[in-house]
Amino acid sequence: MTLKPTAHKPVTQDLVPSPRLTLWVRLRRFWPRVPIYGALIVLGTIFAIPLVWLVSSSLKLESKVFTYPPEFIPNPVVFSNYSEAVTRFPFWQATKNTMVIVLACLVGNLFTVSFTAYVFARIRFPGREPMFVFMVLATLMVPYHVYLIPQYILFRNLGWLNSNLPLTVPALMAQSPYFIFMFRQFFRSVPREYDEAARIDGCGWFGIYWRIMLPQSLPALGVVAIFTFIGTWNDFLAPLIYLNEQRKQTLTIAIRTYEMLASEVHLGQSSWTFILAVSVILTIPPIVLYFVAQRYFVQGIVVSGVKG
């Protein structure tokens, strides 16, 4: 009696799922997310309506800006509103004033804040922890409006009103407790073996900070730079309080001044379209910066929560 050899199917053929099964698995995974995606689309559309109206109104004729119901598609499209707005509105001078303040605050927050956090994180001295709690963490609980009047009186006595000093000097003195806390948490996550190796090579405290800590903290530096730029670029209250002359005003204050003049005095046939055009230009840098470096926003929360 002879046994006939039986043909065995390759094992790989049984392991390959059928296209119908693969499609069903994908649908089962995607179906629970449909309500979440739908809610996000609806909320995103609602929140985008003011921005869409701003952009569309900046391209309309003056007579069609405040029509009701609003027209989201301009007819005709007037691109000349932007070129005329830049020439009529003191755009370049206000942009220059804003960029000077932004750059000064960037330099101050990136270096003075990081160095202060480095001292609290890596250098041991008596009273370090109580000082950090009362000088840094306690100030996080104090609103800005609480010390606004004493700060104004101080700057007035120093003769700093109507200048950029009240807007830039505090940033050069590590005024942000949140940034200090974030940098300190990041520095405490860096192994101390780096400090010991640098000390063997002859580095002091500042050499360790400059050559070891700053290169290691590039994600934290990026987060602080983004938050500082957006906060200073959009700041309205501080320039409104400390800057009086029109030639020294930032973009947010200059556009508000122009808007007040447009409501009181007829500045031209298309004054409101000019204001809306400048407002669109004003929103472009923060939006571009957000989309370019949006991952750093989430990383900033992660970095500030790292355990030491």
C-alpha atoms as a PDB file:
ATOM      1  CA  MET A   1       0.000   0.000   0.000  1.00  0.00           C
ATOM      2  CA  THR A   2       1.525   3.226  -1.112  1.00  0.00           C
ATOM      3  CA  LEU A   3       0.676   6.567   0.380  1.00  0.00           C
ATOM      4  CA  LYS A   4       0.255   9.450  -1.950  1.00  0.00           C
ATOM      5  CA  PRO A   5       1.951  12.630  -0.852  1.00  0.00           C
ATOM      6  CA  THR A   6      -0.481  15.355  -0.006  1.00  0.00           C
ATOM      7  CA  ALA A   7       0.123  18.878  -1.224  1.00  0.00           C
ATOM      8  CA  HIS A   8       0.413  21.450   1.523  1.00  0.00           C
ATOM      9  CA  LYS A   9      -0.682  25.010   0.956  1.00  0.00           C
ATOM     10  CA  PRO A  10       1.816  27.708   1.777  1.00  0.00           C
ATOM     11  CA  VAL A  11       1.252  29.097   5.239  1.00  0.00           C
ATOM     12  CA  THR A  12       1.443  32.655   3.952  1.00  0.00           C
ATOM     13  CA  GLN A  13      -1.715  32.240   1.909  1.00  0.00           C
ATOM     14  CA  ASP A  14      -3.799  31.614   5.031  1.00  0.00           C
ATOM     15  CA  LEU A  15      -2.311  34.581   6.851  1.00  0.00           C
ATOM     16  CA  VAL A  16      -3.115  37.155   4.161  1.00  0.00           C
ATOM     17  CA  PRO A  17      -6.515  38.736   4.992  1.00  0.00           C
ATOM     18  CA  SER A  18      -9.034  39.174   2.276  1.00  0.00           C
ATOM     19  CA  PRO A  19      -9.688  42.692   0.940  1.00  0.00           C
ATOM     20  CA  ARG A  20     -13.267  42.547   2.222  1.00  0.00           C
ATOM     21  CA  LEU A  21     -12.078  41.712   5.771  1.00  0.00           C
ATOM     22  CA  THR A  22      -9.498  44.502   5.677  1.00  0.00           C
ATOM     23  CA  LEU A  23     -12.125  47.025   4.631  1.00  0.00           C
ATOM     24  CA  TRP A  24     -14.444  45.852   7.422  1.00  0.00           C
ATOM     25  CA  VAL A  25     -11.684  46.218  10.031  1.00  0.00           C
ATOM     26  CA  ARG A  26     -10.932  49.751   8.853  1.00  0.00           C
ATOM     27  CA  LEU A  27     -14.600  50.684   8.992  1.00  0.00           C
ATOM     28  CA  ARG A  28     -14.909  49.315  12.527  1.00  0.00           C
ATOM     29  CA  ARG A  29     -11.933  51.388  13.615  1.00  0.00           C
ATOM     30  CA  PHE A  30     -13.106  54.533  11.858  1.00  0.00           C
ATOM     31  CA  TRP A  31     -16.784  54.432  12.818  1.00  0.00           C
ATOM     32  CA  PRO A  32     -16.348  55.424  16.525  1.00  0.00           C
ATOM     33  CA  ARG A  33     -14.368  58.471  15.410  1.00  0.00           C
ATOM     34  CA  VAL A  34     -17.064  59.800  13.087  1.00  0.00           C
ATOM     35  CA  PRO A  35     -18.935  61.785  15.806  1.00  0.00           C
ATOM     36  CA  ILE A  36     -15.656  63.296  17.039  1.00  0.00           C
ATOM     37  CA  TYR A  37     -14.592  64.336  13.555  1.00  0.00           C
ATOM     38  CA  GLY A  38     -18.070  65.703  12.834  1.00  0.00           C
ATOM     39  CA  ALA A  39     -18.090  67.783  16.013  1.00  0.00           C
ATOM     40  CA  LEU A  40     -14.607  69.141  15.250  1.00  0.00           C
ATOM     41  CA  ILE A  41     -15.648  70.106  11.717  1.00  0.00           C
ATOM     42  CA  VAL A  42     -18.769  71.893  12.976  1.00  0.00           C
ATOM     43  CA  LEU A  43     -16.897  73.778  15.721  1.00  0.00           C
ATOM     44  CA  GLY A  44     -14.037  74.628  13.367  1.00  0.00           C
ATOM     45  CA  THR A  45     -16.490  76.040  10.836  1.00  0.00           C
ATOM     46  CA  ILE A  46     -18.208  78.171  13.491  1.00  0.00           C
ATOM     47  CA  PHE A  47     -14.918  79.558  14.803  1.00  0.00           C
ATOM     48  CA  ALA A  48     -13.678  80.264  11.268  1.00  0.00           C
ATOM     49  CA  ILE A  49     -16.684  82.400  10.305  1.00  0.00           C
ATOM     50  CA  PRO A  50     -15.290  85.687  11.767  1.00  0.00           C
ATOM     51  CA  LEU A  51     -11.963  85.162   9.994  1.00  0.00           C
ATOM     52  CA  VAL A  52     -13.694  84.371   6.704  1.00  0.00           C
ATOM     53  CA  TRP A  53     -15.852  87.483   7.069  1.00  0.00           C
ATOM     54  CA  LEU A  54     -12.763  89.581   7.829  1.00  0.00           C
ATOM     55  CA  VAL A  55     -10.910  88.403   4.729  1.00  0.00           C
ATOM     56  CA  SER A  56     -13.926  88.698   2.443  1.00  0.00           C
ATOM     57  CA  SER A  57     -14.864  92.176   3.730  1.00  0.00           C
ATOM     58  CA  SER A  58     -11.327  93.422   3.172  1.00  0.00           C
ATOM     59  CA  LEU A  59     -11.837  92.686  -0.535  1.00  0.00           C
ATOM     60  CA  LYS A  60     -15.216  94.438  -0.877  1.00  0.00           C
ATOM     61  CA  LEU A  61     -16.380  97.900  -1.711  1.00  0.00           C
ATOM     62  CA  GLU A  62     -17.078 100.198   1.226  1.00  0.00           C
ATOM     63  CA  SER A  63     -20.829 100.139   0.550  1.00  0.00           C
ATOM     64  CA  LYS A  64     -20.961  96.322   0.838  1.00  0.00           C
ATOM     65  CA  VAL A  65     -19.024  95.808   4.057  1.00  0.00           C
ATOM     66  CA  PHE A  66     -21.967  96.032   6.470  1.00  0.00           C
ATOM     67  CA  THR A  67     -24.708  94.594   4.297  1.00  0.00           C
ATOM     68  CA  TYR A  68     -27.140  92.208   5.989  1.00  0.00           C
ATOM     69  CA  PRO A  69     -27.210  89.291   5.543  1.00  0.00           C
ATOM     70  CA  PRO A  70     -23.434  89.356   5.103  1.00  0.00           C
ATOM     71  CA  GLU A  71     -21.954  88.409   1.760  1.00  0.00           C
ATOM     72  CA  PHE A  72     -19.014  86.057   2.179  1.00  0.00           C
ATOM     73  CA  ILE A  73     -18.078  86.123  -1.494  1.00  0.00           C
ATOM     74  CA  PRO A  74     -17.087  89.678  -2.500  1.00  0.00           C
ATOM     75  CA  ASN A  75     -18.449  90.926  -5.784  1.00  0.00           C
ATOM     76  CA  PRO A  76     -16.451  92.623  -7.197  1.00  0.00           C
ATOM     77  CA  VAL A  77     -13.119  91.642  -5.641  1.00  0.00           C
ATOM     78  CA  VAL A  78     -11.128  94.806  -4.832  1.00  0.00           C
ATOM     79  CA  PHE A  79      -7.467  93.871  -4.313  1.00  0.00           C
ATOM     80  CA  SER A  80      -6.456  97.519  -4.366  1.00  0.00           C
ATOM     81  CA  ASN A  81      -7.718  97.876  -0.781  1.00  0.00           C
ATOM     82  CA  TYR A  82      -4.492  96.309   0.475  1.00  0.00           C
ATOM     83  CA  SER A  83      -2.107  98.481  -1.502  1.00  0.00           C
ATOM     84  CA  GLU A  84      -4.004 101.663  -0.622  1.00  0.00           C
ATOM     85  CA  ALA A  85      -4.281 100.630   3.029  1.00  0.00           C
ATOM     86  CA  VAL A  86      -0.528 100.178   3.370  1.00  0.00           C
ATOM     87  CA  THR A  87       0.104 103.620   1.869  1.00  0.00           C
ATOM     88  CA  ARG A  88      -2.652 105.456   3.761  1.00  0.00           C
ATOM     89  CA  PHE A  89      -2.252 103.681   7.102  1.00  0.00           C
ATOM     90  CA  PRO A  90       1.115 104.213   8.961  1.00  0.00           C
ATOM     91  CA  PHE A  91       1.833 100.540   8.425  1.00  0.00           C
ATOM     92  CA  TRP A  92       5.603 100.454   8.045  1.00  0.00           C
ATOM     93  CA  GLN A  93       6.312 102.717  11.002  1.00  0.00           C
ATOM     94  CA  ALA A  94       3.970 100.726  13.249  1.00  0.00           C
ATOM     95  CA  THR A  95       5.479  97.451  12.018  1.00  0.00           C
ATOM     96  CA  LYS A  96       8.979  98.735  12.800  1.00  0.00           C
ATOM     97  CA  ASN A  97       7.921  99.752  16.316  1.00  0.00           C
ATOM     98  CA  THR A  98       6.285  96.373  16.898  1.00  0.00           C
ATOM     99  CA  MET A  99       9.273  94.380  15.651  1.00  0.00           C
ATOM    100  CA  VAL A 100      11.692  96.314  17.874  1.00  0.00           C
ATOM    101  CA  ILE A 101       9.624  95.428  20.940  1.00  0.00           C
ATOM    102  CA  VAL A 102       9.151  91.820  19.803  1.00  0.00           C
ATOM    103  CA  LEU A 103      12.887  91.260  19.229  1.00  0.00           C
ATOM    104  CA  ALA A 104      13.822  92.815  22.575  1.00  0.00           C
ATOM    105  CA  CYS A 105      11.298  90.630  24.401  1.00  0.00           C
ATOM    106  CA  LEU A 106      12.530  87.570  22.525  1.00  0.00           C
ATOM    107  CA  VAL A 107      16.137  88.169  23.547  1.00  0.00           C
ATOM    108  CA  GLY A 108      15.117  88.855  27.138  1.00  0.00           C
ATOM    109  CA  ASN A 109      12.877  85.825  27.560  1.00  0.00           C
ATOM    110  CA  LEU A 110      15.242  83.421  25.816  1.00  0.00           C
ATOM    111  CA  PHE A 111      18.368  84.261  27.825  1.00  0.00           C
ATOM    112  CA  THR A 112      17.447  85.877  31.118  1.00  0.00           C
ATOM    113  CA  VAL A 113      14.560  83.504  31.787  1.00  0.00           C
ATOM    114  CA  SER A 114      16.570  80.430  30.833  1.00  0.00           C
ATOM    115  CA  PHE A 115      19.538  81.515  32.979  1.00  0.00           C
ATOM    116  CA  THR A 116      17.273  82.180  35.981  1.00  0.00           C
ATOM    117  CA  ALA A 117      15.713  78.753  35.568  1.00  0.00           C
ATOM    118  CA  TYR A 118      19.184  77.226  35.263  1.00  0.00           C
ATOM    119  CA  VAL A 119      20.162  78.721  38.623  1.00  0.00           C
ATOM    120  CA  PHE A 120      17.079  77.286  40.318  1.00  0.00           C
ATOM    121  CA  ALA A 121      17.502  73.898  38.636  1.00  0.00           C
ATOM    122  CA  ARG A 122      21.233  73.139  38.805  1.00  0.00           C
ATOM    123  CA  ILE A 123      22.917  75.337  41.434  1.00  0.00           C
ATOM    124  CA  ARG A 124      22.423  74.385  45.068  1.00  0.00           C
ATOM    125  CA  PHE A 125      22.315  77.276  47.544  1.00  0.00           C
ATOM    126  CA  PRO A 126      20.549  77.864  50.880  1.00  0.00           C
ATOM    127  CA  GLY A 127      16.863  78.723  50.530  1.00  0.00           C
ATOM    128  CA  ARG A 128      16.653  77.735  46.875  1.00  0.00           C
ATOM    129  CA  GLU A 129      13.365  75.856  47.084  1.00  0.00           C
ATOM    130  CA  PRO A 130      11.502  78.397  49.320  1.00  0.00           C
ATOM    131  CA  MET A 131      12.753  81.208  47.105  1.00  0.00           C
ATOM    132  CA  PHE A 132      11.524  79.413  44.002  1.00  0.00           C
ATOM    133  CA  VAL A 133       8.116  78.779  45.564  1.00  0.00           C
ATOM    134  CA  PHE A 134       7.534  82.329  46.813  1.00  0.00           C
ATOM    135  CA  MET A 135       9.252  84.287  44.016  1.00  0.00           C
ATOM    136  CA  VAL A 136       8.223  82.236  40.993  1.00  0.00           C
ATOM    137  CA  LEU A 137       5.283  79.956  41.709  1.00  0.00           C
ATOM    138  CA  ALA A 138       3.454  82.512  43.874  1.00  0.00           C
ATOM    139  CA  THR A 139       3.628  85.123  41.105  1.00  0.00           C
ATOM    140  CA  LEU A 140       1.813  82.725  38.783  1.00  0.00           C
ATOM    141  CA  MET A 141      -1.264  83.219  40.947  1.00  0.00           C
ATOM    142  CA  VAL A 142      -1.143  87.038  40.837  1.00  0.00           C
ATOM    143  CA  PRO A 143      -3.084  88.567  37.906  1.00  0.00           C
ATOM    144  CA  TYR A 144      -1.384  91.164  35.761  1.00  0.00           C
ATOM    145  CA  HIS A 145      -3.963  93.808  36.667  1.00  0.00           C
ATOM    146  CA  VAL A 146      -3.072  93.615  40.360  1.00  0.00           C
ATOM    147  CA  TYR A 147       0.375  95.167  39.936  1.00  0.00           C
ATOM    148  CA  LEU A 148      -0.487  97.238  36.867  1.00  0.00           C
ATOM    149  CA  ILE A 149      -0.962 100.525  38.757  1.00  0.00           C
ATOM    150  CA  PRO A 150       2.157 100.187  40.981  1.00  0.00           C
ATOM    151  CA  GLN A 151       4.171  99.290  37.905  1.00  0.00           C
ATOM    152  CA  TYR A 152       2.833 102.324  36.048  1.00  0.00           C
ATOM    153  CA  ILE A 153       3.754 104.604  38.971  1.00  0.00           C
ATOM    154  CA  LEU A 154       7.254 103.113  39.031  1.00  0.00           C
ATOM    155  CA  PHE A 155       7.810 103.664  35.319  1.00  0.00           C
ATOM    156  CA  ARG A 156       6.404 107.196  35.576  1.00  0.00           C
ATOM    157  CA  ASN A 157       8.845 108.064  38.367  1.00  0.00           C
ATOM    158  CA  LEU A 158      11.677 106.656  36.282  1.00  0.00           C
ATOM    159  CA  GLY A 159      10.625 108.828  33.320  1.00  0.00           C
ATOM    160  CA  TRP A 160      10.038 105.866  31.035  1.00  0.00           C
ATOM    161  CA  LEU A 161       6.564 106.780  29.821  1.00  0.00           C
ATOM    162  CA  ASN A 162       6.052 107.214  26.081  1.00  0.00           C
ATOM    163  CA  SER A 163       9.036 104.961  25.325  1.00  0.00           C
ATOM    164  CA  ASN A 164       9.754 101.306  24.669  1.00  0.00           C
ATOM    165  CA  LEU A 165      11.501 100.804  28.013  1.00  0.00           C
ATOM    166  CA  PRO A 166       8.376  99.734  29.986  1.00  0.00           C
ATOM    167  CA  LEU A 167       7.629  97.192  27.247  1.00  0.00           C
ATOM    168  CA  THR A 168      11.131  95.722  26.908  1.00  0.00           C
ATOM    169  CA  VAL A 169      13.061  96.126  30.194  1.00  0.00           C
ATOM    170  CA  PRO A 170      10.785  93.768  32.223  1.00  0.00           C
ATOM    171  CA  ALA A 171      11.414  91.061  29.627  1.00  0.00           C
ATOM    172  CA  LEU A 172      15.165  91.573  30.091  1.00  0.00           C
ATOM    173  CA  MET A 173      14.739  90.924  33.825  1.00  0.00           C
ATOM    174  CA  ALA A 174      13.074  87.483  33.632  1.00  0.00           C
ATOM    175  CA  GLN A 175       9.547  88.684  34.328  1.00  0.00           C
ATOM    176  CA  SER A 176       7.705  85.533  33.177  1.00  0.00           C
ATOM    177  CA  PRO A 177       7.281  82.963  35.982  1.00  0.00           C
ATOM    178  CA  TYR A 178       5.667  80.452  33.633  1.00  0.00           C
ATOM    179  CA  PHE A 179       8.718  80.392  31.359  1.00  0.00           C
ATOM    180  CA  ILE A 180      11.026  80.087  34.370  1.00  0.00           C
ATOM    181  CA  PHE A 181       9.013  77.135  35.649  1.00  0.00           C
ATOM    182  CA  MET A 182       9.035  75.471  32.235  1.00  0.00           C
ATOM    183  CA  PHE A 183      12.789  75.890  31.755  1.00  0.00           C
ATOM    184  CA  ARG A 184      13.480  74.658  35.287  1.00  0.00           C
ATOM    185  CA  GLN A 185      11.490  71.487  34.703  1.00  0.00           C
ATOM    186  CA  PHE A 186      13.358  70.895  31.462  1.00  0.00           C
ATOM    187  CA  PHE A 187      16.787  71.511  32.999  1.00  0.00           C
ATOM    188  CA  ARG A 188      16.043  69.126  35.848  1.00  0.00           C
ATOM    189  CA  SER A 189      15.377  66.386  33.335  1.00  0.00           C
ATOM    190  CA  VAL A 190      18.922  66.695  31.912  1.00  0.00           C
ATOM    191  CA  PRO A 191      21.286  64.160  33.561  1.00  0.00           C
ATOM    192  CA  ARG A 192      23.768  65.689  35.988  1.00  0.00           C
ATOM    193  CA  GLU A 193      26.540  63.593  34.464  1.00  0.00           C
ATOM    194  CA  TYR A 194      26.753  66.264  31.776  1.00  0.00           C
ATOM    195  CA  ASP A 195      27.621  68.850  34.433  1.00  0.00           C
ATOM    196  CA  GLU A 196      30.278  66.628  35.957  1.00  0.00           C
ATOM    197  CA  ALA A 197      31.857  65.921  32.572  1.00  0.00           C
ATOM    198  CA  ALA A 198      31.895  69.638  31.762  1.00  0.00           C
ATOM    199  CA  ARG A 199      33.507  70.442  35.130  1.00  0.00           C
ATOM    200  CA  ILE A 200      36.259  67.936  34.423  1.00  0.00           C
ATOM    201  CA  ASP A 201      36.918  69.820  31.172  1.00  0.00           C
ATOM    202  CA  GLY A 202      37.197  73.080  33.131  1.00  0.00           C
ATOM    203  CA  CYS A 203      33.764  74.657  32.575  1.00  0.00           C
ATOM    204  CA  GLY A 204      32.284  76.898  35.242  1.00  0.00           C
ATOM    205  CA  TRP A 205      28.625  77.483  36.016  1.00  0.00           C
ATOM    206  CA  PHE A 206      28.124  79.840  33.092  1.00  0.00           C
ATOM    207  CA  GLY A 207      30.109  77.591  30.734  1.00  0.00           C
ATOM    208  CA  ILE A 208      27.862  74.656  31.619  1.00  0.00           C
ATOM    209  CA  TYR A 209      24.804  76.822  31.006  1.00  0.00           C
ATOM    210  CA  TRP A 210      26.067  78.177  27.680  1.00  0.00           C
ATOM    211  CA  ARG A 211      27.691  75.071  26.217  1.00  0.00           C
ATOM    212  CA  ILE A 212      25.649  72.243  27.706  1.00  0.00           C
ATOM    213  CA  MET A 213      22.229  73.416  28.838  1.00  0.00           C
ATOM    214  CA  LEU A 214      21.227  75.773  26.030  1.00  0.00           C
ATOM    215  CA  PRO A 215      22.021  73.300  23.211  1.00  0.00           C
ATOM    216  CA  GLN A 216      20.074  70.640  25.125  1.00  0.00           C
ATOM    217  CA  SER A 217      17.049  72.911  25.597  1.00  0.00           C
ATOM    218  CA  LEU A 218      16.275  73.762  21.973  1.00  0.00           C
ATOM    219  CA  PRO A 219      12.643  72.508  22.255  1.00  0.00           C
ATOM    220  CA  ALA A 220      12.053  74.712  25.304  1.00  0.00           C
ATOM    221  CA  LEU A 221      13.693  77.672  23.554  1.00  0.00           C
ATOM    222  CA  GLY A 222      11.386  77.165  20.585  1.00  0.00           C
ATOM    223  CA  VAL A 223       8.299  77.108  22.794  1.00  0.00           C
ATOM    224  CA  VAL A 224       9.317  80.301  24.613  1.00  0.00           C
ATOM    225  CA  ALA A 225      10.133  82.036  21.336  1.00  0.00           C
ATOM    226  CA  ILE A 226       6.716  81.173  19.865  1.00  0.00           C
ATOM    227  CA  PHE A 227       4.754  82.208  22.952  1.00  0.00           C
ATOM    228  CA  THR A 228       6.755  85.430  23.308  1.00  0.00           C
ATOM    229  CA  PHE A 229       6.286  86.418  19.666  1.00  0.00           C
ATOM    230  CA  ILE A 230       2.537  85.814  19.648  1.00  0.00           C
ATOM    231  CA  GLY A 231       2.000  87.471  23.041  1.00  0.00           C
ATOM    232  CA  THR A 232       4.050  90.565  22.202  1.00  0.00           C
ATOM    233  CA  TRP A 233       2.726  90.871  18.648  1.00  0.00           C
ATOM    234  CA  ASN A 234      -0.897  90.796  19.823  1.00  0.00           C
ATOM    235  CA  ASP A 235      -0.361  92.839  22.995  1.00  0.00           C
ATOM    236  CA  PHE A 236      -2.811  95.729  23.221  1.00  0.00           C
ATOM    237  CA  LEU A 237      -3.017  96.810  26.861  1.00  0.00           C
ATOM    238  CA  ALA A 238       0.627  97.594  27.621  1.00  0.00           C
ATOM    239  CA  PRO A 239       1.303  99.706  24.489  1.00  0.00           C
ATOM    240  CA  LEU A 240      -2.019 101.500  25.065  1.00  0.00           C
ATOM    241  CA  ILE A 241      -0.914 102.509  28.571  1.00  0.00           C
ATOM    242  CA  TYR A 242       2.717 103.454  27.990  1.00  0.00           C
ATOM    243  CA  LEU A 243       2.828 104.809  24.401  1.00  0.00           C
ATOM    244  CA  ASN A 244       1.213 108.192  23.750  1.00  0.00           C
ATOM    245  CA  GLU A 245       2.736 109.557  20.542  1.00  0.00           C
ATOM    246  CA  GLN A 246       1.352 108.235  17.291  1.00  0.00           C
ATOM    247  CA  ARG A 247       4.786 107.711  15.719  1.00  0.00           C
ATOM    248  CA  LYS A 248       5.709 105.290  18.536  1.00  0.00           C
ATOM    249  CA  GLN A 249       2.547 103.192  18.456  1.00  0.00           C
ATOM    250  CA  THR A 250       2.541  99.486  17.677  1.00  0.00           C
ATOM    251  CA  LEU A 251       0.307  97.859  15.082  1.00  0.00           C
ATOM    252  CA  THR A 252      -2.478  96.988  17.502  1.00  0.00           C
ATOM    253  CA  ILE A 253      -2.672 100.554  18.844  1.00  0.00           C
ATOM    254  CA  ALA A 254      -2.199 102.214  15.447  1.00  0.00           C
ATOM    255  CA  ILE A 255      -5.075 100.299  13.902  1.00  0.00           C
ATOM    256  CA  ARG A 256      -7.288 101.180  16.869  1.00  0.00           C
ATOM    257  CA  THR A 257      -6.382 104.864  16.512  1.00  0.00           C
ATOM    258  CA  TYR A 258      -7.117 104.744  12.801  1.00  0.00           C
ATOM    259  CA  GLU A 259     -10.452 103.047  13.500  1.00  0.00           C
ATOM    260  CA  MET A 260     -11.448 105.762  15.975  1.00  0.00           C
ATOM    261  CA  LEU A 261     -10.553 108.469  13.478  1.00  0.00           C
ATOM    262  CA  ALA A 262     -12.524 106.682  10.773  1.00  0.00           C
ATOM    263  CA  SER A 263     -15.621 106.597  12.967  1.00  0.00           C
ATOM    264  CA  GLU A 264     -15.356 110.283  13.874  1.00  0.00           C
ATOM    265  CA  VAL A 265     -14.003 111.857  10.696  1.00  0.00           C
ATOM    266  CA  HIS A 266     -14.691 110.760   7.141  1.00  0.00           C
ATOM    267  CA  LEU A 267     -11.189 109.812   6.007  1.00  0.00           C
ATOM    268  CA  GLY A 268     -12.110 108.667   2.555  1.00  0.00           C
ATOM    269  CA  GLN A 269     -14.404 106.572   0.477  1.00  0.00           C
ATOM    270  CA  SER A 270     -12.995 103.232   1.658  1.00  0.00           C
ATOM    271  CA  SER A 271     -11.820 103.804   5.231  1.00  0.00           C
ATOM    272  CA  TRP A 272     -13.364 100.652   6.725  1.00  0.00           C
ATOM    273  CA  THR A 273     -12.019  98.410   3.979  1.00  0.00           C
ATOM    274  CA  PHE A 274      -8.553  99.788   4.750  1.00  0.00           C
ATOM    275  CA  ILE A 275      -8.959  98.926   8.427  1.00  0.00           C
ATOM    276  CA  LEU A 276     -10.056  95.394   7.581  1.00  0.00           C
ATOM    277  CA  ALA A 277      -7.197  94.960   5.113  1.00  0.00           C
ATOM    278  CA  VAL A 278      -4.645  95.995   7.743  1.00  0.00           C
ATOM    279  CA  SER A 279      -6.323  93.638  10.235  1.00  0.00           C
ATOM    280  CA  VAL A 280      -5.843  90.747   7.816  1.00  0.00           C
ATOM    281  CA  ILE A 281      -2.171  91.616   7.422  1.00  0.00           C
ATOM    282  CA  LEU A 282      -1.857  91.838  11.203  1.00  0.00           C
ATOM    283  CA  THR A 283      -3.161  88.284  11.660  1.00  0.00           C
ATOM    284  CA  ILE A 284      -0.911  86.670   9.052  1.00  0.00           C
ATOM    285  CA  PRO A 285       2.360  86.335  11.091  1.00  0.00           C
ATOM    286  CA  PRO A 286       0.776  84.557  14.118  1.00  0.00           C
ATOM    287  CA  ILE A 287      -1.195  82.209  11.858  1.00  0.00           C
ATOM    288  CA  VAL A 288       1.865  81.334   9.763  1.00  0.00           C
ATOM    289  CA  LEU A 289       3.963  80.852  12.885  1.00  0.00           C
ATOM    290  CA  TYR A 290       1.319  78.574  14.384  1.00  0.00           C
ATOM    291  CA  PHE A 291       1.103  76.292  11.361  1.00  0.00           C
ATOM    292  CA  VAL A 292       4.879  76.147  10.968  1.00  0.00           C
ATOM    293  CA  ALA A 293       5.583  75.291  14.609  1.00  0.00           C
ATOM    294  CA  GLN A 294       2.301  73.996  16.003  1.00  0.00           C
ATOM    295  CA  ARG A 295       3.956  70.850  17.387  1.00  0.00           C
ATOM    296  CA  TYR A 296       5.940  73.034  19.784  1.00  0.00           C
ATOM    297  CA  PHE A 297       2.725  74.221  21.446  1.00  0.00           C
ATOM    298  CA  VAL A 298       1.926  70.681  22.552  1.00  0.00           C
ATOM    299  CA  GLN A 299       5.564  70.057  23.367  1.00  0.00           C
ATOM    300  CA  GLY A 300       5.559  73.086  25.652  1.00  0.00           C
ATOM    301  CA  ILE A 301       2.904  71.483  27.815  1.00  0.00           C
ATOM    302  CA  VAL A 302       4.832  68.213  27.839  1.00  0.00           C
ATOM    303  CA  VAL A 303       8.113  69.917  28.717  1.00  0.00           C
ATOM    304  CA  SER A 304       6.562  71.890  31.598  1.00  0.00           C
ATOM    305  CA  GLY A 305       5.243  68.671  33.087  1.00  0.00           C
ATOM    306  CA  VAL A 306       8.500  66.692  33.012  1.00  0.00           C
ATOM    307  CA  LYS A 307       9.472  65.377  36.434  1.00  0.00           C
ATOM    308  CA  GLY A 308      12.846  66.355  37.815  1.00  0.00           C
END
